[in-house]
Amino acid sequence: MVNKNKTLSNKKIEKPYRCRNCYIIRFFLLAVVFIILFALIQSDNLHYLDFITPTNAATLIIILGVIMFLIKLANYFFKKKIS
């Protein structure tokens, strides 16, 4: 009879691969669920969020995209200059 604890201790337990994209999708879905719950619970107090419009959201996304592009571009030129 083989001791199961002895055979398990000899094997390395590998952590499962964790996909970055899967985590991003999960966090996005979790955020959507929390927004829906917040909207259901605080339906009479949502007038504070009137400034959030599709135009403002699109503007924010474009501004953040440009900022990230400029940071990555500066990082690229900085690394290129060092090499």
PDB file of N, CA and C in Angstrom:
ATOM      1  N   MET A   1       0.837  -1.173   0.000  1.00  0.00           N
ATOM      2  CA  MET A   1       0.000   0.000   0.000  1.00  0.00           C
ATOM      3  C   MET A   1       0.891   1.249   0.000  1.00  0.00           C
ATOM      4  N   VAL A   2       0.628   2.145  -0.917  1.00  0.00           N
ATOM      5  CA  VAL A   2       1.455   3.338  -1.081  1.00  0.00           C
ATOM      6  C   VAL A   2       0.834   4.485  -0.299  1.00  0.00           C
ATOM      7  N   ASN A   3       1.679   5.195   0.390  1.00  0.00           N
ATOM      8  CA  ASN A   3       1.211   6.353   1.145  1.00  0.00           C
ATOM      9  C   ASN A   3       0.994   7.510   0.169  1.00  0.00           C
ATOM     10  N   LYS A   4      -0.239   8.001   0.101  1.00  0.00           N
ATOM     11  CA  LYS A   4      -0.565   9.054  -0.869  1.00  0.00           C
ATOM     12  C   LYS A   4       0.135  10.363  -0.540  1.00  0.00           C
ATOM     13  N   ASN A   5       0.323  10.650   0.728  1.00  0.00           N
ATOM     14  CA  ASN A   5       1.002  11.883   1.120  1.00  0.00           C
ATOM     15  C   ASN A   5       2.455  11.891   0.656  1.00  0.00           C
ATOM     16  N   LYS A   6       3.063  10.753   0.655  1.00  0.00           N
ATOM     17  CA  LYS A   6       4.456  10.664   0.241  1.00  0.00           C
ATOM     18  C   LYS A   6       4.606  10.928  -1.262  1.00  0.00           C
ATOM     19  N   THR A   7       3.696  10.407  -2.062  1.00  0.00           N
ATOM     20  CA  THR A   7       3.798  10.608  -3.501  1.00  0.00           C
ATOM     21  C   THR A   7       3.445  12.037  -3.891  1.00  0.00           C
ATOM     22  N   LEU A   8       2.524  12.676  -3.164  1.00  0.00           N
ATOM     23  CA  LEU A   8       2.167  14.055  -3.480  1.00  0.00           C
ATOM     24  C   LEU A   8       3.272  15.027  -3.114  1.00  0.00           C
ATOM     25  N   SER A   9       4.030  14.740  -2.075  1.00  0.00           N
ATOM     26  CA  SER A   9       5.077  15.665  -1.651  1.00  0.00           C
ATOM     27  C   SER A   9       6.238  15.681  -2.635  1.00  0.00           C
ATOM     28  N   ASN A  10       6.407  14.619  -3.410  1.00  0.00           N
ATOM     29  CA  ASN A  10       7.493  14.575  -4.374  1.00  0.00           C
ATOM     30  C   ASN A  10       7.187  15.385  -5.630  1.00  0.00           C
ATOM     31  N   LYS A  11       5.920  15.610  -5.903  1.00  0.00           N
ATOM     32  CA  LYS A  11       5.537  16.346  -7.106  1.00  0.00           C
ATOM     33  C   LYS A  11       5.444  17.833  -6.810  1.00  0.00           C
ATOM     34  N   LYS A  12       5.862  18.616  -7.767  1.00  0.00           N
ATOM     35  CA  LYS A  12       5.712  20.054  -7.631  1.00  0.00           C
ATOM     36  C   LYS A  12       4.307  20.439  -8.065  1.00  0.00           C
ATOM     37  N   ILE A  13       3.672  21.249  -7.269  1.00  0.00           N
ATOM     38  CA  ILE A  13       2.337  21.721  -7.616  1.00  0.00           C
ATOM     39  C   ILE A  13       2.501  23.006  -8.406  1.00  0.00           C
ATOM     40  N   GLU A  14       2.084  22.961  -9.643  1.00  0.00           N
ATOM     41  CA  GLU A  14       2.215  24.121 -10.511  1.00  0.00           C
ATOM     42  C   GLU A  14       0.946  24.950 -10.431  1.00  0.00           C
ATOM     43  N   LYS A  15       1.145  26.258 -10.394  1.00  0.00           N
ATOM     44  CA  LYS A  15      -0.002  27.161 -10.390  1.00  0.00           C
ATOM     45  C   LYS A  15      -0.591  27.206 -11.794  1.00  0.00           C
ATOM     46  N   PRO A  16      -1.899  27.264 -11.885  1.00  0.00           N
ATOM     47  CA  PRO A  16      -2.508  27.320 -13.221  1.00  0.00           C
ATOM     48  C   PRO A  16      -2.188  28.648 -13.911  1.00  0.00           C
ATOM     49  N   TYR A  17      -2.113  28.587 -15.226  1.00  0.00           N
ATOM     50  CA  TYR A  17      -1.840  29.786 -16.011  1.00  0.00           C
ATOM     51  C   TYR A  17      -2.995  30.755 -15.875  1.00  0.00           C
ATOM     52  N   ARG A  18      -2.691  32.003 -15.628  1.00  0.00           N
ATOM     53  CA  ARG A  18      -3.727  33.014 -15.456  1.00  0.00           C
ATOM     54  C   ARG A  18      -3.630  34.013 -16.594  1.00  0.00           C
ATOM     55  N   CYS A  19      -4.647  33.999 -17.393  1.00  0.00           N
ATOM     56  CA  CYS A  19      -4.681  34.843 -18.585  1.00  0.00           C
ATOM     57  C   CYS A  19      -5.001  36.286 -18.198  1.00  0.00           C
ATOM     58  N   ARG A  20      -4.189  37.208 -18.675  1.00  0.00           N
ATOM     59  CA  ARG A  20      -4.381  38.630 -18.361  1.00  0.00           C
ATOM     60  C   ARG A  20      -5.689  39.138 -18.961  1.00  0.00           C
ATOM     61  N   ASN A  21      -5.982  38.726 -20.185  1.00  0.00           N
ATOM     62  CA  ASN A  21      -7.218  39.170 -20.827  1.00  0.00           C
ATOM     63  C   ASN A  21      -8.441  38.667 -20.076  1.00  0.00           C
ATOM     64  N   CYS A  22      -8.362  37.457 -19.559  1.00  0.00           N
ATOM     65  CA  CYS A  22      -9.491  36.916 -18.788  1.00  0.00           C
ATOM     66  C   CYS A  22      -9.732  37.743 -17.533  1.00  0.00           C
ATOM     67  N   TYR A  23      -8.647  38.157 -16.864  1.00  0.00           N
ATOM     68  CA  TYR A  23      -8.812  38.992 -15.687  1.00  0.00           C
ATOM     69  C   TYR A  23      -9.429  40.336 -16.045  1.00  0.00           C
ATOM     70  N   ILE A  24      -9.024  40.925 -17.144  1.00  0.00           N
ATOM     71  CA  ILE A  24      -9.589  42.211 -17.559  1.00  0.00           C
ATOM     72  C   ILE A  24     -11.078  42.064 -17.835  1.00  0.00           C
ATOM     73  N   ILE A  25     -11.458  41.004 -18.516  1.00  0.00           N
ATOM     74  CA  ILE A  25     -12.873  40.774 -18.814  1.00  0.00           C
ATOM     75  C   ILE A  25     -13.654  40.544 -17.525  1.00  0.00           C
ATOM     76  N   ARG A  26     -13.092  39.781 -16.604  1.00  0.00           N
ATOM     77  CA  ARG A  26     -13.778  39.528 -15.337  1.00  0.00           C
ATOM     78  C   ARG A  26     -13.964  40.805 -14.538  1.00  0.00           C
ATOM     79  N   PHE A  27     -12.928  41.641 -14.459  1.00  0.00           N
ATOM     80  CA  PHE A  27     -13.055  42.903 -13.735  1.00  0.00           C
ATOM     81  C   PHE A  27     -14.074  43.821 -14.395  1.00  0.00           C
ATOM     82  N   PHE A  28     -14.113  43.834 -15.722  1.00  0.00           N
ATOM     83  CA  PHE A  28     -15.092  44.653 -16.431  1.00  0.00           C
ATOM     84  C   PHE A  28     -16.508  44.182 -16.112  1.00  0.00           C
ATOM     85  N   LEU A  29     -16.738  42.883 -16.180  1.00  0.00           N
ATOM     86  CA  LEU A  29     -18.068  42.358 -15.880  1.00  0.00           C
ATOM     87  C   LEU A  29     -18.452  42.610 -14.424  1.00  0.00           C
ATOM     88  N   LEU A  30     -17.497  42.490 -13.523  1.00  0.00           N
ATOM     89  CA  LEU A  30     -17.764  42.774 -12.129  1.00  0.00           C
ATOM     90  C   LEU A  30     -18.118  44.245 -11.925  1.00  0.00           C
ATOM     91  N   ALA A  31     -17.422  45.134 -12.623  1.00  0.00           N
ATOM     92  CA  ALA A  31     -17.738  46.558 -12.531  1.00  0.00           C
ATOM     93  C   ALA A  31     -19.134  46.846 -13.064  1.00  0.00           C
ATOM     94  N   VAL A  32     -19.518  46.200 -14.159  1.00  0.00           N
ATOM     95  CA  VAL A  32     -20.857  46.386 -14.713  1.00  0.00           C
ATOM     96  C   VAL A  32     -21.913  45.921 -13.727  1.00  0.00           C
ATOM     97  N   VAL A  33     -21.683  44.782 -13.090  1.00  0.00           N
ATOM     98  CA  VAL A  33     -22.643  44.280 -12.108  1.00  0.00           C
ATOM     99  C   VAL A  33     -22.778  45.260 -10.943  1.00  0.00           C
ATOM    100  N   PHE A  34     -21.653  45.794 -10.467  1.00  0.00           N
ATOM    101  CA  PHE A  34     -21.723  46.755  -9.371  1.00  0.00           C
ATOM    102  C   PHE A  34     -22.420  48.049  -9.792  1.00  0.00           C
ATOM    103  N   ILE A  35     -22.225  48.495 -11.006  1.00  0.00           N
ATOM    104  CA  ILE A  35     -22.919  49.692 -11.479  1.00  0.00           C
ATOM    105  C   ILE A  35     -24.415  49.446 -11.547  1.00  0.00           C
ATOM    106  N   ILE A  36     -24.806  48.279 -12.017  1.00  0.00           N
ATOM    107  CA  ILE A  36     -26.240  47.948 -12.084  1.00  0.00           C
ATOM    108  C   ILE A  36     -26.832  47.874 -10.677  1.00  0.00           C
ATOM    109  N   LEU A  37     -26.129  47.236  -9.757  1.00  0.00           N
ATOM    110  CA  LEU A  37     -26.617  47.173  -8.378  1.00  0.00           C
ATOM    111  C   LEU A  37     -26.705  48.560  -7.755  1.00  0.00           C
ATOM    112  N   PHE A  38     -25.714  49.382  -8.011  1.00  0.00           N
ATOM    113  CA  PHE A  38     -25.715  50.752  -7.497  1.00  0.00           C
ATOM    114  C   PHE A  38     -26.894  51.534  -8.060  1.00  0.00           C
ATOM    115  N   ALA A  39     -27.164  51.357  -9.341  1.00  0.00           N
ATOM    116  CA  ALA A  39     -28.283  52.060  -9.967  1.00  0.00           C
ATOM    117  C   ALA A  39     -29.618  51.589  -9.401  1.00  0.00           C
ATOM    118  N   LEU A  40     -29.735  50.320  -9.099  1.00  0.00           N
ATOM    119  CA  LEU A  40     -30.982  49.808  -8.531  1.00  0.00           C
ATOM    120  C   LEU A  40     -31.186  50.275  -7.087  1.00  0.00           C
ATOM    121  N   ILE A  41     -30.103  50.318  -6.336  1.00  0.00           N
ATOM    122  CA  ILE A  41     -30.210  50.699  -4.932  1.00  0.00           C
ATOM    123  C   ILE A  41     -30.387  52.210  -4.777  1.00  0.00           C
ATOM    124  N   GLN A  42     -29.652  52.980  -5.534  1.00  0.00           N
ATOM    125  CA  GLN A  42     -29.649  54.436  -5.392  1.00  0.00           C
ATOM    126  C   GLN A  42     -30.383  55.132  -6.534  1.00  0.00           C
ATOM    127  N   SER A  43     -31.511  54.626  -6.943  1.00  0.00           N
ATOM    128  CA  SER A  43     -32.199  55.166  -8.122  1.00  0.00           C
ATOM    129  C   SER A  43     -32.625  56.618  -7.945  1.00  0.00           C
ATOM    130  N   ASP A  44     -32.977  57.040  -6.734  1.00  0.00           N
ATOM    131  CA  ASP A  44     -33.419  58.417  -6.533  1.00  0.00           C
ATOM    132  C   ASP A  44     -32.256  59.395  -6.374  1.00  0.00           C
ATOM    133  N   ASN A  45     -31.042  58.917  -6.131  1.00  0.00           N
ATOM    134  CA  ASN A  45     -29.885  59.792  -5.926  1.00  0.00           C
ATOM    135  C   ASN A  45     -28.951  59.840  -7.134  1.00  0.00           C
ATOM    136  N   LEU A  46     -29.382  59.347  -8.268  1.00  0.00           N
ATOM    137  CA  LEU A  46     -28.493  59.297  -9.427  1.00  0.00           C
ATOM    138  C   LEU A  46     -28.409  60.616 -10.191  1.00  0.00           C
ATOM    139  N   HIS A  47     -29.103  61.640  -9.760  1.00  0.00           N
ATOM    140  CA  HIS A  47     -29.006  62.922 -10.450  1.00  0.00           C
ATOM    141  C   HIS A  47     -27.616  63.525 -10.310  1.00  0.00           C
ATOM    142  N   TYR A  48     -26.813  63.039  -9.356  1.00  0.00           N
ATOM    143  CA  TYR A  48     -25.427  63.496  -9.212  1.00  0.00           C
ATOM    144  C   TYR A  48     -24.552  63.025 -10.370  1.00  0.00           C
ATOM    145  N   LEU A  49     -24.982  61.997 -11.074  1.00  0.00           N
ATOM    146  CA  LEU A  49     -24.197  61.438 -12.177  1.00  0.00           C
ATOM    147  C   LEU A  49     -24.671  61.936 -13.542  1.00  0.00           C
ATOM    148  N   ASP A  50     -25.398  63.050 -13.575  1.00  0.00           N
ATOM    149  CA  ASP A  50     -25.897  63.580 -14.845  1.00  0.00           C
ATOM    150  C   ASP A  50     -24.780  64.035 -15.782  1.00  0.00           C
ATOM    151  N   PHE A  51     -23.620  64.365 -15.241  1.00  0.00           N
ATOM    152  CA  PHE A  51     -22.526  64.835 -16.088  1.00  0.00           C
ATOM    153  C   PHE A  51     -21.913  63.706 -16.913  1.00  0.00           C
ATOM    154  N   ILE A  52     -22.200  62.458 -16.588  1.00  0.00           N
ATOM    155  CA  ILE A  52     -21.670  61.329 -17.357  1.00  0.00           C
ATOM    156  C   ILE A  52     -22.566  61.114 -18.573  1.00  0.00           C
ATOM    157  N   THR A  53     -22.048  61.523 -19.719  1.00  0.00           N
ATOM    158  CA  THR A  53     -22.768  61.375 -20.980  1.00  0.00           C
ATOM    159  C   THR A  53     -21.884  60.597 -21.945  1.00  0.00           C
ATOM    160  N   PRO A  54     -22.442  60.089 -23.026  1.00  0.00           N
ATOM    161  CA  PRO A  54     -21.602  59.392 -24.003  1.00  0.00           C
ATOM    162  C   PRO A  54     -20.486  60.275 -24.567  1.00  0.00           C
ATOM    163  N   THR A  55     -20.777  61.552 -24.749  1.00  0.00           N
ATOM    164  CA  THR A  55     -19.749  62.467 -25.267  1.00  0.00           C
ATOM    165  C   THR A  55     -18.612  62.623 -24.268  1.00  0.00           C
ATOM    166  N   ASN A  56     -18.943  62.786 -22.990  1.00  0.00           N
ATOM    167  CA  ASN A  56     -17.895  62.913 -21.972  1.00  0.00           C
ATOM    168  C   ASN A  56     -17.085  61.623 -21.841  1.00  0.00           C
ATOM    169  N   ALA A  57     -17.753  60.485 -21.916  1.00  0.00           N
ATOM    170  CA  ALA A  57     -17.039  59.212 -21.839  1.00  0.00           C
ATOM    171  C   ALA A  57     -16.097  59.039 -23.030  1.00  0.00           C
ATOM    172  N   ALA A  58     -16.568  59.379 -24.224  1.00  0.00           N
ATOM    173  CA  ALA A  58     -15.722  59.273 -25.420  1.00  0.00           C
ATOM    174  C   ALA A  58     -14.533  60.220 -25.331  1.00  0.00           C
ATOM    175  N   THR A  59     -14.770  61.425 -24.847  1.00  0.00           N
ATOM    176  CA  THR A  59     -13.682  62.390 -24.683  1.00  0.00           C
ATOM    177  C   THR A  59     -12.644  61.872 -23.695  1.00  0.00           C
ATOM    178  N   LEU A  60     -13.097  61.302 -22.591  1.00  0.00           N
ATOM    179  CA  LEU A  60     -12.182  60.745 -21.602  1.00  0.00           C
ATOM    180  C   LEU A  60     -11.358  59.604 -22.187  1.00  0.00           C
ATOM    181  N   ILE A  61     -11.993  58.733 -22.954  1.00  0.00           N
ATOM    182  CA  ILE A  61     -11.285  57.604 -23.565  1.00  0.00           C
ATOM    183  C   ILE A  61     -10.235  58.100 -24.550  1.00  0.00           C
ATOM    184  N   ILE A  62     -10.579  59.095 -25.354  1.00  0.00           N
ATOM    185  CA  ILE A  62      -9.618  59.640 -26.328  1.00  0.00           C
ATOM    186  C   ILE A  62      -8.453  60.305 -25.615  1.00  0.00           C
ATOM    187  N   ILE A  63      -8.739  61.088 -24.577  1.00  0.00           N
ATOM    188  CA  ILE A  63      -7.670  61.777 -23.847  1.00  0.00           C
ATOM    189  C   ILE A  63      -6.740  60.762 -23.186  1.00  0.00           C
ATOM    190  N   LEU A  64      -7.301  59.742 -22.545  1.00  0.00           N
ATOM    191  CA  LEU A  64      -6.461  58.720 -21.922  1.00  0.00           C
ATOM    192  C   LEU A  64      -5.643  57.952 -22.962  1.00  0.00           C
ATOM    193  N   GLY A  65      -6.232  57.699 -24.127  1.00  0.00           N
ATOM    194  CA  GLY A  65      -5.501  57.024 -25.194  1.00  0.00           C
ATOM    195  C   GLY A  65      -4.325  57.841 -25.692  1.00  0.00           C
ATOM    196  N   VAL A  66      -4.539  59.137 -25.858  1.00  0.00           N
ATOM    197  CA  VAL A  66      -3.453  60.021 -26.318  1.00  0.00           C
ATOM    198  C   VAL A  66      -2.347  60.096 -25.263  1.00  0.00           C
ATOM    199  N   ILE A  67      -2.737  60.188 -24.002  1.00  0.00           N
ATOM    200  CA  ILE A  67      -1.735  60.245 -22.932  1.00  0.00           C
ATOM    201  C   ILE A  67      -0.919  58.952 -22.889  1.00  0.00           C
ATOM    202  N   MET A  68      -1.581  57.808 -22.995  1.00  0.00           N
ATOM    203  CA  MET A  68      -0.844  56.532 -22.997  1.00  0.00           C
ATOM    204  C   MET A  68       0.069  56.429 -24.212  1.00  0.00           C
ATOM    205  N   PHE A  69      -0.409  56.905 -25.370  1.00  0.00           N
ATOM    206  CA  PHE A  69       0.429  56.877 -26.566  1.00  0.00           C
ATOM    207  C   PHE A  69       1.671  57.737 -26.376  1.00  0.00           C
ATOM    208  N   LEU A  70       1.509  58.925 -25.823  1.00  0.00           N
ATOM    209  CA  LEU A  70       2.657  59.811 -25.627  1.00  0.00           C
ATOM    210  C   LEU A  70       3.649  59.224 -24.632  1.00  0.00           C
ATOM    211  N   ILE A  71       3.152  58.585 -23.593  1.00  0.00           N
ATOM    212  CA  ILE A  71       4.047  57.951 -22.620  1.00  0.00           C
ATOM    213  C   ILE A  71       4.813  56.808 -23.276  1.00  0.00           C
ATOM    214  N   LYS A  72       4.135  55.980 -24.045  1.00  0.00           N
ATOM    215  CA  LYS A  72       4.812  54.864 -24.715  1.00  0.00           C
ATOM    216  C   LYS A  72       5.797  55.362 -25.775  1.00  0.00           C
ATOM    217  N   LEU A  73       5.445  56.437 -26.467  1.00  0.00           N
ATOM    218  CA  LEU A  73       6.350  57.014 -27.467  1.00  0.00           C
ATOM    219  C   LEU A  73       7.604  57.579 -26.810  1.00  0.00           C
ATOM    220  N   ALA A  74       7.425  58.291 -25.699  1.00  0.00           N
ATOM    221  CA  ALA A  74       8.580  58.826 -24.974  1.00  0.00           C
ATOM    222  C   ALA A  74       9.443  57.693 -24.436  1.00  0.00           C
ATOM    223  N   ASN A  75       8.817  56.636 -23.929  1.00  0.00           N
ATOM    224  CA  ASN A  75       9.547  55.474 -23.430  1.00  0.00           C
ATOM    225  C   ASN A  75      10.332  54.805 -24.553  1.00  0.00           C
ATOM    226  N   TYR A  76       9.749  54.692 -25.738  1.00  0.00           N
ATOM    227  CA  TYR A  76      10.415  54.092 -26.884  1.00  0.00           C
ATOM    228  C   TYR A  76      11.658  54.903 -27.274  1.00  0.00           C
ATOM    229  N   PHE A  77      11.505  56.235 -27.377  1.00  0.00           N
ATOM    230  CA  PHE A  77      12.643  57.063 -27.769  1.00  0.00           C
ATOM    231  C   PHE A  77      13.707  57.061 -26.688  1.00  0.00           C
ATOM    232  N   PHE A  78      13.307  57.003 -25.418  1.00  0.00           N
ATOM    233  CA  PHE A  78      14.264  56.971 -24.324  1.00  0.00           C
ATOM    234  C   PHE A  78      15.096  55.686 -24.376  1.00  0.00           C
ATOM    235  N   LYS A  79      14.418  54.547 -24.587  1.00  0.00           N
ATOM    236  CA  LYS A  79      15.136  53.272 -24.671  1.00  0.00           C
ATOM    237  C   LYS A  79      15.998  53.201 -25.915  1.00  0.00           C
ATOM    238  N   LYS A  80      15.519  53.789 -27.010  1.00  0.00           N
ATOM    239  CA  LYS A  80      16.292  53.784 -28.253  1.00  0.00           C
ATOM    240  C   LYS A  80      17.555  54.627 -28.104  1.00  0.00           C
ATOM    241  N   LYS A  81      17.456  55.720 -27.378  1.00  0.00           N
ATOM    242  CA  LYS A  81      18.600  56.603 -27.175  1.00  0.00           C
ATOM    243  C   LYS A  81      19.658  55.946 -26.308  1.00  0.00           C
ATOM    244  N   ILE A  82      19.235  55.140 -25.317  1.00  0.00           N
ATOM    245  CA  ILE A  82      20.173  54.451 -24.439  1.00  0.00           C
ATOM    246  C   ILE A  82      20.915  53.353 -25.184  1.00  0.00           C
ATOM    247  N   SER A  83      20.241  52.638 -26.068  1.00  0.00           N
ATOM    248  CA  SER A  83      20.851  51.500 -26.775  1.00  0.00           C
ATOM    249  C   SER A  83      21.883  51.914 -27.761  1.00  0.00           C
TER     250      SER A  83
END
